[in-house]
């Protein structure tokens, strides 16, 4: 798989926008599901897909507020989805499957970052539960409604470089660190795409993960201003201080590219950055991916654990074993 994990020369870059990567692409008749598609990068993704002709179903924990945020965008519908609540995930997916429609794209854009320790459900760490386990259950339950040629895109982050999966204490029972927890969840997002692609490719469904770049969005809601000043992101007056930050329109570009670009035909299970495939590197470069985040063995192990925790695994008949293709 690493042989494919290298740039393809897409022609786009860090300053490309979601509209740029969709230029000349007609999405009329296509249906996209975007979690968190009413805020931050999800909102910009929804806007761009709609402008290109797609119908977008936005999953939101507060659908009334989401509907207000999306009120001036065409081809939109909103449904309740709380990724930290597996019953909500089951109900959302059930309603969509029962509608008889098919999803051409599922973009897992919703997430939380560096939040206080707030165990979810049966004592799960909240960032892993929301960012990974909820999306894992969602995609599995949506599988009967995936269109031929569909793509599943998971928004990871360069923060995956903070840590691999903490197999000995995945829910931080022995001491919580909010950034370690965020990094683990982002590693999980990347590994999810690796194994989902392995299981879905024979059915024509491909999966990708990505780093969107650094962007100021509501994702930083749990950070104090002083934290962001100390990190050099903003100045004391709240103005952007880091010139490498992207606009929300630029930040949404890589997930839109991964979901729609014909340049990725026949590919999958890959981690992307700056609207291209990233390189595997251990040097900590923001636009590269650590080997552990695209490792097939780690991905299979995480899939098995996620299935055990959520009680959901549409692909159980594809049970992984060493040496399986």
C-alpha atoms as a PDB file:
ATOM      1  CA  UNK A   1       0.000   0.000   0.000  1.00  0.00           C
ATOM      2  CA  UNK A   2       2.884   2.416   0.741  1.00  0.00           C
ATOM      3  CA  UNK A   3       3.911   2.144  -2.910  1.00  0.00           C
ATOM      4  CA  UNK A   4       0.814   4.213  -3.714  1.00  0.00           C
ATOM      5  CA  UNK A   5       1.371   6.583  -0.781  1.00  0.00           C
ATOM      6  CA  UNK A   6       3.225   9.265  -2.701  1.00  0.00           C
ATOM      7  CA  UNK A   7       2.187  12.470  -4.511  1.00  0.00           C
ATOM      8  CA  UNK A   8       0.682  12.197  -7.962  1.00  0.00           C
ATOM      9  CA  UNK A   9       1.212  15.810  -9.035  1.00  0.00           C
ATOM     10  CA  UNK A  10      -2.420  16.861  -8.845  1.00  0.00           C
ATOM     11  CA  UNK A  11      -1.756  20.432  -9.901  1.00  0.00           C
ATOM     12  CA  UNK A  12      -3.380  21.756  -6.739  1.00  0.00           C
ATOM     13  CA  UNK A  13      -1.731  22.941  -3.545  1.00  0.00           C
ATOM     14  CA  UNK A  14      -2.142  24.464  -0.100  1.00  0.00           C
ATOM     15  CA  UNK A  15      -3.886  27.585  -1.387  1.00  0.00           C
ATOM     16  CA  UNK A  16      -6.346  25.749  -3.633  1.00  0.00           C
ATOM     17  CA  UNK A  17      -9.969  26.081  -2.550  1.00  0.00           C
ATOM     18  CA  UNK A  18     -12.826  23.612  -2.598  1.00  0.00           C
ATOM     19  CA  UNK A  19     -14.250  25.431  -5.620  1.00  0.00           C
ATOM     20  CA  UNK A  20     -10.886  25.195  -7.379  1.00  0.00           C
ATOM     21  CA  UNK A  21     -10.732  21.396  -7.134  1.00  0.00           C
ATOM     22  CA  UNK A  22     -14.341  21.108  -8.317  1.00  0.00           C
ATOM     23  CA  UNK A  23     -13.867  23.268 -11.401  1.00  0.00           C
ATOM     24  CA  UNK A  24     -15.229  21.372 -14.388  1.00  0.00           C
ATOM     25  CA  UNK A  25     -16.748  18.605 -12.233  1.00  0.00           C
ATOM     26  CA  UNK A  26     -20.533  18.224 -12.485  1.00  0.00           C
ATOM     27  CA  UNK A  27     -22.036  16.567  -9.407  1.00  0.00           C
ATOM     28  CA  UNK A  28     -25.665  16.798 -10.543  1.00  0.00           C
ATOM     29  CA  UNK A  29     -27.504  13.663  -9.495  1.00  0.00           C
ATOM     30  CA  UNK A  30     -24.870  12.775  -6.874  1.00  0.00           C
ATOM     31  CA  UNK A  31     -25.658  12.538  -3.168  1.00  0.00           C
ATOM     32  CA  UNK A  32     -23.173  13.367  -0.419  1.00  0.00           C
ATOM     33  CA  UNK A  33     -23.502  12.795   3.306  1.00  0.00           C
ATOM     34  CA  UNK A  34     -21.384  15.262   5.306  1.00  0.00           C
ATOM     35  CA  UNK A  35     -21.167  14.945   9.069  1.00  0.00           C
ATOM     36  CA  UNK A  36     -20.862  18.337  10.702  1.00  0.00           C
ATOM     37  CA  UNK A  37     -21.620  19.883   7.330  1.00  0.00           C
ATOM     38  CA  UNK A  38     -23.016  23.057   8.874  1.00  0.00           C
ATOM     39  CA  UNK A  39     -19.882  24.366  10.618  1.00  0.00           C
ATOM     40  CA  UNK A  40     -16.222  25.041   9.913  1.00  0.00           C
ATOM     41  CA  UNK A  41     -14.706  22.956   7.143  1.00  0.00           C
ATOM     42  CA  UNK A  42     -17.884  20.899   6.912  1.00  0.00           C
ATOM     43  CA  UNK A  43     -19.854  24.008   6.017  1.00  0.00           C
ATOM     44  CA  UNK A  44     -17.407  25.000   3.288  1.00  0.00           C
ATOM     45  CA  UNK A  45     -17.533  21.427   1.986  1.00  0.00           C
ATOM     46  CA  UNK A  46     -21.325  21.508   1.879  1.00  0.00           C
ATOM     47  CA  UNK A  47     -21.338  24.849   0.064  1.00  0.00           C
ATOM     48  CA  UNK A  48     -18.851  23.711  -2.582  1.00  0.00           C
ATOM     49  CA  UNK A  49     -20.579  20.386  -3.242  1.00  0.00           C
ATOM     50  CA  UNK A  50     -23.930  22.130  -3.539  1.00  0.00           C
ATOM     51  CA  UNK A  51     -22.544  24.684  -6.000  1.00  0.00           C
ATOM     52  CA  UNK A  52     -21.242  21.780  -8.105  1.00  0.00           C
ATOM     53  CA  UNK A  53     -24.751  20.302  -8.239  1.00  0.00           C
ATOM     54  CA  UNK A  54     -24.680  17.653  -5.511  1.00  0.00           C
ATOM     55  CA  UNK A  55     -27.491  17.038  -3.066  1.00  0.00           C
ATOM     56  CA  UNK A  56     -26.036  17.140   0.441  1.00  0.00           C
ATOM     57  CA  UNK A  57     -27.410  15.458   3.555  1.00  0.00           C
ATOM     58  CA  UNK A  58     -25.908  17.073   6.626  1.00  0.00           C
ATOM     59  CA  UNK A  59     -25.756  15.092   9.851  1.00  0.00           C
ATOM     60  CA  UNK A  60     -25.848  17.418  12.860  1.00  0.00           C
ATOM     61  CA  UNK A  61     -26.237  17.023  16.614  1.00  0.00           C
ATOM     62  CA  UNK A  62     -28.453  20.125  16.663  1.00  0.00           C
ATOM     63  CA  UNK A  63     -30.404  19.967  13.403  1.00  0.00           C
ATOM     64  CA  UNK A  64     -32.394  23.150  14.024  1.00  0.00           C
ATOM     65  CA  UNK A  65     -29.217  25.224  14.380  1.00  0.00           C
ATOM     66  CA  UNK A  66     -27.703  23.458  11.371  1.00  0.00           C
ATOM     67  CA  UNK A  67     -30.756  24.231   9.253  1.00  0.00           C
ATOM     68  CA  UNK A  68     -30.402  27.910  10.112  1.00  0.00           C
ATOM     69  CA  UNK A  69     -26.720  27.899   9.147  1.00  0.00           C
ATOM     70  CA  UNK A  70     -27.570  26.247   5.815  1.00  0.00           C
ATOM     71  CA  UNK A  71     -30.747  28.148   5.031  1.00  0.00           C
ATOM     72  CA  UNK A  72     -29.360  29.970   1.983  1.00  0.00           C
ATOM     73  CA  UNK A  73     -27.747  26.909   0.360  1.00  0.00           C
ATOM     74  CA  UNK A  74     -29.528  24.897  -2.331  1.00  0.00           C
ATOM     75  CA  UNK A  75     -29.876  21.111  -2.492  1.00  0.00           C
ATOM     76  CA  UNK A  76     -29.519  20.620   1.269  1.00  0.00           C
ATOM     77  CA  UNK A  77     -31.278  18.526   3.884  1.00  0.00           C
ATOM     78  CA  UNK A  78     -30.450  18.093   7.552  1.00  0.00           C
ATOM     79  CA  UNK A  79     -31.001  15.160   9.881  1.00  0.00           C
ATOM     80  CA  UNK A  80     -30.159  14.562  13.524  1.00  0.00           C
ATOM     81  CA  UNK A  81     -26.859  12.780  14.149  1.00  0.00           C
ATOM     82  CA  UNK A  82     -24.959  12.663  17.426  1.00  0.00           C
ATOM     83  CA  UNK A  83     -21.783  10.702  16.763  1.00  0.00           C
ATOM     84  CA  UNK A  84     -21.181  10.172  20.476  1.00  0.00           C
ATOM     85  CA  UNK A  85     -24.520   8.342  20.763  1.00  0.00           C
ATOM     86  CA  UNK A  86     -24.625   4.997  18.939  1.00  0.00           C
ATOM     87  CA  UNK A  87     -28.435   4.969  19.074  1.00  0.00           C
ATOM     88  CA  UNK A  88     -28.469   8.295  17.223  1.00  0.00           C
ATOM     89  CA  UNK A  89     -26.023   6.889  14.657  1.00  0.00           C
ATOM     90  CA  UNK A  90     -28.203   3.802  14.180  1.00  0.00           C
ATOM     91  CA  UNK A  91     -31.348   5.893  13.742  1.00  0.00           C
ATOM     92  CA  UNK A  92     -29.723   8.324  11.276  1.00  0.00           C
ATOM     93  CA  UNK A  93     -28.343   5.505   9.133  1.00  0.00           C
ATOM     94  CA  UNK A  94     -31.596   3.564   9.382  1.00  0.00           C
ATOM     95  CA  UNK A  95     -33.616   6.478   8.098  1.00  0.00           C
ATOM     96  CA  UNK A  96     -31.275   6.939   5.148  1.00  0.00           C
ATOM     97  CA  UNK A  97     -31.167   3.250   4.219  1.00  0.00           C
ATOM     98  CA  UNK A  98     -34.958   3.051   4.478  1.00  0.00           C
ATOM     99  CA  UNK A  99     -35.268   5.992   2.058  1.00  0.00           C
ATOM    100  CA  UNK A 100     -33.950   3.770  -0.742  1.00  0.00           C
ATOM    101  CA  UNK A 101     -31.376   6.329  -1.802  1.00  0.00           C
ATOM    102  CA  UNK A 102     -27.687   5.711  -2.432  1.00  0.00           C
ATOM    103  CA  UNK A 103     -24.764   7.753  -1.110  1.00  0.00           C
ATOM    104  CA  UNK A 104     -22.047   8.629  -3.610  1.00  0.00           C
ATOM    105  CA  UNK A 105     -19.867  10.297  -0.970  1.00  0.00           C
ATOM    106  CA  UNK A 106     -19.647  10.097   2.801  1.00  0.00           C
ATOM    107  CA  UNK A 107     -17.412  12.789   4.252  1.00  0.00           C
ATOM    108  CA  UNK A 108     -16.651  12.324   7.944  1.00  0.00           C
ATOM    109  CA  UNK A 109     -15.932  15.954   8.743  1.00  0.00           C
ATOM    110  CA  UNK A 110     -17.413  16.356  12.240  1.00  0.00           C
ATOM    111  CA  UNK A 111     -15.089  16.206  15.204  1.00  0.00           C
ATOM    112  CA  UNK A 112     -13.958  17.611  18.527  1.00  0.00           C
ATOM    113  CA  UNK A 113     -10.474  18.671  19.603  1.00  0.00           C
ATOM    114  CA  UNK A 114      -8.598  18.909  22.893  1.00  0.00           C
ATOM    115  CA  UNK A 115     -11.731  18.785  24.996  1.00  0.00           C
ATOM    116  CA  UNK A 116     -11.804  18.215  28.757  1.00  0.00           C
ATOM    117  CA  UNK A 117     -12.036  14.616  29.892  1.00  0.00           C
ATOM    118  CA  UNK A 118     -15.697  13.712  29.462  1.00  0.00           C
ATOM    119  CA  UNK A 119     -16.284   9.961  29.219  1.00  0.00           C
ATOM    120  CA  UNK A 120     -18.945   8.949  26.691  1.00  0.00           C
ATOM    121  CA  UNK A 121     -21.342   6.022  26.993  1.00  0.00           C
ATOM    122  CA  UNK A 122     -19.598   3.033  28.573  1.00  0.00           C
ATOM    123  CA  UNK A 123     -16.565   5.050  29.674  1.00  0.00           C
ATOM    124  CA  UNK A 124     -15.129   5.759  26.241  1.00  0.00           C
ATOM    125  CA  UNK A 125     -12.750   8.655  25.745  1.00  0.00           C
ATOM    126  CA  UNK A 126     -14.844  11.382  24.086  1.00  0.00           C
ATOM    127  CA  UNK A 127     -12.529  12.294  21.212  1.00  0.00           C
ATOM    128  CA  UNK A 128     -12.048   8.697  20.113  1.00  0.00           C
ATOM    129  CA  UNK A 129     -15.780   8.072  20.527  1.00  0.00           C
ATOM    130  CA  UNK A 130     -16.891  11.088  18.516  1.00  0.00           C
ATOM    131  CA  UNK A 131     -14.172  11.378  15.909  1.00  0.00           C
ATOM    132  CA  UNK A 132     -13.679   7.676  15.204  1.00  0.00           C
ATOM    133  CA  UNK A 133     -16.108   5.206  16.776  1.00  0.00           C
ATOM    134  CA  UNK A 134     -19.222   7.167  15.787  1.00  0.00           C
ATOM    135  CA  UNK A 135     -18.024   7.415  12.198  1.00  0.00           C
ATOM    136  CA  UNK A 136     -17.014   3.746  12.205  1.00  0.00           C
ATOM    137  CA  UNK A 137     -20.538   2.725  13.210  1.00  0.00           C
ATOM    138  CA  UNK A 138     -22.098   5.201  10.788  1.00  0.00           C
ATOM    139  CA  UNK A 139     -20.273   3.956   7.696  1.00  0.00           C
ATOM    140  CA  UNK A 140     -20.876   0.328   8.604  1.00  0.00           C
ATOM    141  CA  UNK A 141     -24.602   0.979   8.994  1.00  0.00           C
ATOM    142  CA  UNK A 142     -24.726   3.003   5.761  1.00  0.00           C
ATOM    143  CA  UNK A 143     -23.027   0.238   3.783  1.00  0.00           C
ATOM    144  CA  UNK A 144     -26.266  -1.162   2.244  1.00  0.00           C
ATOM    145  CA  UNK A 145     -26.913   2.311   0.832  1.00  0.00           C
ATOM    146  CA  UNK A 146     -23.487   2.977  -0.691  1.00  0.00           C
ATOM    147  CA  UNK A 147     -23.573   3.601  -4.438  1.00  0.00           C
ATOM    148  CA  UNK A 148     -21.192   1.779  -6.769  1.00  0.00           C
ATOM    149  CA  UNK A 149     -18.059   3.884  -7.004  1.00  0.00           C
ATOM    150  CA  UNK A 150     -18.756   5.686  -3.720  1.00  0.00           C
ATOM    151  CA  UNK A 151     -15.984   7.256  -1.686  1.00  0.00           C
ATOM    152  CA  UNK A 152     -15.677   7.567   2.081  1.00  0.00           C
ATOM    153  CA  UNK A 153     -13.450  10.412   3.277  1.00  0.00           C
ATOM    154  CA  UNK A 154     -12.292  10.779   6.869  1.00  0.00           C
ATOM    155  CA  UNK A 155     -10.814  14.043   8.103  1.00  0.00           C
ATOM    156  CA  UNK A 156      -7.674  13.181  10.036  1.00  0.00           C
ATOM    157  CA  UNK A 157      -4.964  15.700  10.931  1.00  0.00           C
ATOM    158  CA  UNK A 158      -1.234  16.197  11.169  1.00  0.00           C
ATOM    159  CA  UNK A 159      -1.945  15.735  14.885  1.00  0.00           C
ATOM    160  CA  UNK A 160      -1.910  11.995  14.190  1.00  0.00           C
ATOM    161  CA  UNK A 161       1.846  12.435  14.576  1.00  0.00           C
ATOM    162  CA  UNK A 162       1.377  12.978  18.315  1.00  0.00           C
ATOM    163  CA  UNK A 163       0.773   9.314  18.993  1.00  0.00           C
ATOM    164  CA  UNK A 164      -0.106   5.944  17.492  1.00  0.00           C
ATOM    165  CA  UNK A 165      -3.035   4.008  18.952  1.00  0.00           C
ATOM    166  CA  UNK A 166      -2.479   3.564  22.700  1.00  0.00           C
ATOM    167  CA  UNK A 167      -3.395  -0.111  22.803  1.00  0.00           C
ATOM    168  CA  UNK A 168      -2.633  -0.453  26.510  1.00  0.00           C
ATOM    169  CA  UNK A 169      -4.926   2.435  27.551  1.00  0.00           C
ATOM    170  CA  UNK A 170      -7.058   3.513  24.629  1.00  0.00           C
ATOM    171  CA  UNK A 171      -9.605   5.360  26.816  1.00  0.00           C
ATOM    172  CA  UNK A 172      -7.050   7.089  29.084  1.00  0.00           C
ATOM    173  CA  UNK A 173      -8.128   5.367  32.277  1.00  0.00           C
ATOM    174  CA  UNK A 174      -4.651   5.954  33.720  1.00  0.00           C
ATOM    175  CA  UNK A 175      -4.355   9.702  33.199  1.00  0.00           C
ATOM    176  CA  UNK A 176      -5.830  12.010  30.583  1.00  0.00           C
ATOM    177  CA  UNK A 177      -3.952  14.237  28.176  1.00  0.00           C
ATOM    178  CA  UNK A 178      -6.244  16.114  25.808  1.00  0.00           C
ATOM    179  CA  UNK A 179      -3.668  16.385  23.021  1.00  0.00           C
ATOM    180  CA  UNK A 180      -2.642  12.751  23.233  1.00  0.00           C
ATOM    181  CA  UNK A 181      -6.339  11.864  23.038  1.00  0.00           C
ATOM    182  CA  UNK A 182      -6.818  14.094  19.995  1.00  0.00           C
ATOM    183  CA  UNK A 183      -3.743  12.661  18.286  1.00  0.00           C
ATOM    184  CA  UNK A 184      -4.932   9.103  18.889  1.00  0.00           C
ATOM    185  CA  UNK A 185      -8.358   9.911  17.422  1.00  0.00           C
ATOM    186  CA  UNK A 186      -6.746  11.381  14.314  1.00  0.00           C
ATOM    187  CA  UNK A 187      -4.527   8.309  13.910  1.00  0.00           C
ATOM    188  CA  UNK A 188      -7.707   6.241  14.170  1.00  0.00           C
ATOM    189  CA  UNK A 189      -9.301   8.287  11.374  1.00  0.00           C
ATOM    190  CA  UNK A 190      -6.398   7.462   9.069  1.00  0.00           C
ATOM    191  CA  UNK A 191      -6.328   3.769   9.975  1.00  0.00           C
ATOM    192  CA  UNK A 192     -10.087   3.511   9.465  1.00  0.00           C
ATOM    193  CA  UNK A 193      -9.673   4.596   5.834  1.00  0.00           C
ATOM    194  CA  UNK A 194      -6.910   2.025   5.286  1.00  0.00           C
ATOM    195  CA  UNK A 195      -8.974  -0.965   6.373  1.00  0.00           C
ATOM    196  CA  UNK A 196     -12.309   0.258   5.017  1.00  0.00           C
ATOM    197  CA  UNK A 197     -10.707   0.575   1.605  1.00  0.00           C
ATOM    198  CA  UNK A 198      -9.326  -2.937   1.911  1.00  0.00           C
ATOM    199  CA  UNK A 199     -12.795  -4.312   2.667  1.00  0.00           C
ATOM    200  CA  UNK A 200     -14.793  -2.159   0.281  1.00  0.00           C
ATOM    201  CA  UNK A 201     -12.664  -1.983  -2.845  1.00  0.00           C
ATOM    202  CA  UNK A 202     -14.046  -5.172  -4.417  1.00  0.00           C
ATOM    203  CA  UNK A 203     -17.481  -3.528  -4.249  1.00  0.00           C
ATOM    204  CA  UNK A 204     -16.048  -0.382  -5.844  1.00  0.00           C
ATOM    205  CA  UNK A 205     -16.127   1.686  -2.645  1.00  0.00           C
ATOM    206  CA  UNK A 206     -12.854   3.469  -1.861  1.00  0.00           C
ATOM    207  CA  UNK A 207     -11.734   5.333   1.233  1.00  0.00           C
ATOM    208  CA  UNK A 208      -9.294   8.139   1.958  1.00  0.00           C
ATOM    209  CA  UNK A 209      -8.139  10.181   4.938  1.00  0.00           C
ATOM    210  CA  UNK A 210      -6.511  13.584   4.999  1.00  0.00           C
ATOM    211  CA  UNK A 211      -4.913  16.481   6.794  1.00  0.00           C
ATOM    212  CA  UNK A 212      -6.890  19.631   5.926  1.00  0.00           C
ATOM    213  CA  UNK A 213      -4.217  22.077   7.123  1.00  0.00           C
ATOM    214  CA  UNK A 214      -4.286  24.566   9.984  1.00  0.00           C
ATOM    215  CA  UNK A 215      -7.466  26.636  10.000  1.00  0.00           C
ATOM    216  CA  UNK A 216      -9.245  28.695  12.642  1.00  0.00           C
ATOM    217  CA  UNK A 217     -12.731  27.212  12.977  1.00  0.00           C
ATOM    218  CA  UNK A 218     -15.135  26.306  15.804  1.00  0.00           C
ATOM    219  CA  UNK A 219     -12.958  23.196  16.291  1.00  0.00           C
ATOM    220  CA  UNK A 220     -10.868  25.359  18.656  1.00  0.00           C
ATOM    221  CA  UNK A 221     -13.836  25.949  20.980  1.00  0.00           C
ATOM    222  CA  UNK A 222     -12.133  24.140  23.871  1.00  0.00           C
ATOM    223  CA  UNK A 223      -8.946  26.210  23.661  1.00  0.00           C
ATOM    224  CA  UNK A 224      -8.320  29.390  25.620  1.00  0.00           C
ATOM    225  CA  UNK A 225      -7.148  32.464  23.761  1.00  0.00           C
ATOM    226  CA  UNK A 226      -3.895  32.288  25.724  1.00  0.00           C
ATOM    227  CA  UNK A 227      -3.302  28.778  24.391  1.00  0.00           C
ATOM    228  CA  UNK A 228      -3.565  29.959  20.802  1.00  0.00           C
ATOM    229  CA  UNK A 229      -1.391  33.026  21.450  1.00  0.00           C
ATOM    230  CA  UNK A 230       1.276  30.824  23.057  1.00  0.00           C
ATOM    231  CA  UNK A 231       1.148  28.494  20.048  1.00  0.00           C
ATOM    232  CA  UNK A 232       1.701  31.462  17.729  1.00  0.00           C
ATOM    233  CA  UNK A 233      -1.614  30.969  15.956  1.00  0.00           C
ATOM    234  CA  UNK A 234      -3.028  34.391  16.838  1.00  0.00           C
ATOM    235  CA  UNK A 235      -1.685  37.606  18.362  1.00  0.00           C
ATOM    236  CA  UNK A 236      -2.815  39.257  21.585  1.00  0.00           C
ATOM    237  CA  UNK A 237      -5.572  41.070  19.682  1.00  0.00           C
ATOM    238  CA  UNK A 238      -6.976  37.835  18.278  1.00  0.00           C
ATOM    239  CA  UNK A 239      -5.650  38.356  14.759  1.00  0.00           C
ATOM    240  CA  UNK A 240      -4.192  35.479  12.773  1.00  0.00           C
ATOM    241  CA  UNK A 241      -0.426  35.424  13.347  1.00  0.00           C
ATOM    242  CA  UNK A 242       0.652  32.239  11.548  1.00  0.00           C
ATOM    243  CA  UNK A 243       0.907  32.767   7.766  1.00  0.00           C
ATOM    244  CA  UNK A 244       0.730  29.015   7.126  1.00  0.00           C
ATOM    245  CA  UNK A 245      -2.896  28.899   8.279  1.00  0.00           C
ATOM    246  CA  UNK A 246      -5.470  28.355   5.552  1.00  0.00           C
ATOM    247  CA  UNK A 247      -8.840  29.948   5.010  1.00  0.00           C
ATOM    248  CA  UNK A 248     -11.851  27.669   5.603  1.00  0.00           C
ATOM    249  CA  UNK A 249     -12.351  27.493   1.828  1.00  0.00           C
ATOM    250  CA  UNK A 250      -8.764  26.284   1.410  1.00  0.00           C
ATOM    251  CA  UNK A 251      -9.078  23.959   4.382  1.00  0.00           C
ATOM    252  CA  UNK A 252     -12.069  22.208   2.830  1.00  0.00           C
ATOM    253  CA  UNK A 253     -10.289  21.650  -0.475  1.00  0.00           C
ATOM    254  CA  UNK A 254      -8.488  18.392   0.310  1.00  0.00           C
ATOM    255  CA  UNK A 255     -11.579  16.599   1.601  1.00  0.00           C
ATOM    256  CA  UNK A 256     -13.559  17.720  -1.439  1.00  0.00           C
ATOM    257  CA  UNK A 257     -10.713  16.661  -3.726  1.00  0.00           C
ATOM    258  CA  UNK A 258     -10.520  13.246  -2.068  1.00  0.00           C
ATOM    259  CA  UNK A 259     -14.273  12.782  -2.419  1.00  0.00           C
ATOM    260  CA  UNK A 260     -14.600  13.820  -6.068  1.00  0.00           C
ATOM    261  CA  UNK A 261     -11.358  13.971  -8.027  1.00  0.00           C
ATOM    262  CA  UNK A 262     -11.041  11.716 -11.072  1.00  0.00           C
ATOM    263  CA  UNK A 263      -7.290  11.811 -10.400  1.00  0.00           C
ATOM    264  CA  UNK A 264      -7.882   9.289  -7.603  1.00  0.00           C
ATOM    265  CA  UNK A 265      -9.707   6.752  -9.754  1.00  0.00           C
ATOM    266  CA  UNK A 266      -8.515   3.251  -8.939  1.00  0.00           C
ATOM    267  CA  UNK A 267      -6.772   4.374  -5.752  1.00  0.00           C
ATOM    268  CA  UNK A 268      -7.751   4.179  -2.104  1.00  0.00           C
ATOM    269  CA  UNK A 269      -6.668   3.649   1.474  1.00  0.00           C
ATOM    270  CA  UNK A 270      -4.440   6.703   1.177  1.00  0.00           C
ATOM    271  CA  UNK A 271      -3.709   9.724   3.359  1.00  0.00           C
ATOM    272  CA  UNK A 272      -3.846  13.066   1.559  1.00  0.00           C
ATOM    273  CA  UNK A 273      -2.671  16.622   2.212  1.00  0.00           C
ATOM    274  CA  UNK A 274      -2.739  19.864   0.221  1.00  0.00           C
ATOM    275  CA  UNK A 275      -4.954  18.259  -2.437  1.00  0.00           C
ATOM    276  CA  UNK A 276      -2.496  15.484  -3.219  1.00  0.00           C
ATOM    277  CA  UNK A 277      -1.383  12.168  -1.770  1.00  0.00           C
ATOM    278  CA  UNK A 278       1.034  12.619   1.123  1.00  0.00           C
ATOM    279  CA  UNK A 279       4.418  10.970   1.527  1.00  0.00           C
ATOM    280  CA  UNK A 280       5.219   8.581   4.371  1.00  0.00           C
ATOM    281  CA  UNK A 281       7.774  10.201   6.659  1.00  0.00           C
ATOM    282  CA  UNK A 282       8.858  10.160  10.286  1.00  0.00           C
ATOM    283  CA  UNK A 283      10.313  13.685  10.193  1.00  0.00           C
ATOM    284  CA  UNK A 284       7.157  15.306  11.534  1.00  0.00           C
ATOM    285  CA  UNK A 285       6.455  17.319   8.388  1.00  0.00           C
ATOM    286  CA  UNK A 286       2.907  18.620   8.515  1.00  0.00           C
ATOM    287  CA  UNK A 287       1.959  17.330   5.081  1.00  0.00           C
ATOM    288  CA  UNK A 288       3.400  13.826   5.513  1.00  0.00           C
ATOM    289  CA  UNK A 289       1.947  10.773   7.242  1.00  0.00           C
ATOM    290  CA  UNK A 290       3.561   8.552   9.857  1.00  0.00           C
ATOM    291  CA  UNK A 291       3.979   4.913   8.848  1.00  0.00           C
ATOM    292  CA  UNK A 292       1.930   3.709  11.804  1.00  0.00           C
ATOM    293  CA  UNK A 293      -1.096   5.698  10.589  1.00  0.00           C
ATOM    294  CA  UNK A 294      -1.231   3.815   7.272  1.00  0.00           C
ATOM    295  CA  UNK A 295      -0.072   0.425   8.521  1.00  0.00           C
ATOM    296  CA  UNK A 296      -2.450  -2.346   7.369  1.00  0.00           C
ATOM    297  CA  UNK A 297      -1.849  -4.456  10.473  1.00  0.00           C
ATOM    298  CA  UNK A 298      -2.601  -1.561  12.812  1.00  0.00           C
ATOM    299  CA  UNK A 299      -5.669  -0.736  10.717  1.00  0.00           C
ATOM    300  CA  UNK A 300      -6.991  -4.291  10.950  1.00  0.00           C
ATOM    301  CA  UNK A 301      -6.402  -4.374  14.696  1.00  0.00           C
ATOM    302  CA  UNK A 302      -8.250  -1.084  15.178  1.00  0.00           C
ATOM    303  CA  UNK A 303     -11.130  -2.302  12.997  1.00  0.00           C
ATOM    304  CA  UNK A 304     -11.517  -5.413  15.150  1.00  0.00           C
ATOM    305  CA  UNK A 305     -11.474  -3.356  18.362  1.00  0.00           C
ATOM    306  CA  UNK A 306     -13.925  -0.813  16.954  1.00  0.00           C
ATOM    307  CA  UNK A 307     -16.310  -3.590  15.933  1.00  0.00           C
ATOM    308  CA  UNK A 308     -16.066  -5.069  19.423  1.00  0.00           C
ATOM    309  CA  UNK A 309     -16.708  -1.727  21.127  1.00  0.00           C
ATOM    310  CA  UNK A 310     -19.597  -0.615  18.901  1.00  0.00           C
ATOM    311  CA  UNK A 311     -21.144  -4.008  18.235  1.00  0.00           C
ATOM    312  CA  UNK A 312     -21.272  -3.115  14.533  1.00  0.00           C
ATOM    313  CA  UNK A 313     -19.344  -4.775  11.697  1.00  0.00           C
ATOM    314  CA  UNK A 314     -21.044  -5.066   8.322  1.00  0.00           C
ATOM    315  CA  UNK A 315     -17.904  -6.702   6.951  1.00  0.00           C
ATOM    316  CA  UNK A 316     -17.532  -9.530   9.482  1.00  0.00           C
ATOM    317  CA  UNK A 317     -17.561 -12.047   6.639  1.00  0.00           C
ATOM    318  CA  UNK A 318     -14.268 -10.511   5.539  1.00  0.00           C
ATOM    319  CA  UNK A 319     -12.595 -11.339   8.854  1.00  0.00           C
ATOM    320  CA  UNK A 320      -8.955 -10.318   8.563  1.00  0.00           C
ATOM    321  CA  UNK A 321      -6.157 -12.754   9.138  1.00  0.00           C
ATOM    322  CA  UNK A 322      -2.396 -12.447   8.690  1.00  0.00           C
ATOM    323  CA  UNK A 323      -1.505 -12.721   5.040  1.00  0.00           C
ATOM    324  CA  UNK A 324      -5.027 -11.983   3.774  1.00  0.00           C
ATOM    325  CA  UNK A 325      -5.126  -9.925   0.608  1.00  0.00           C
END
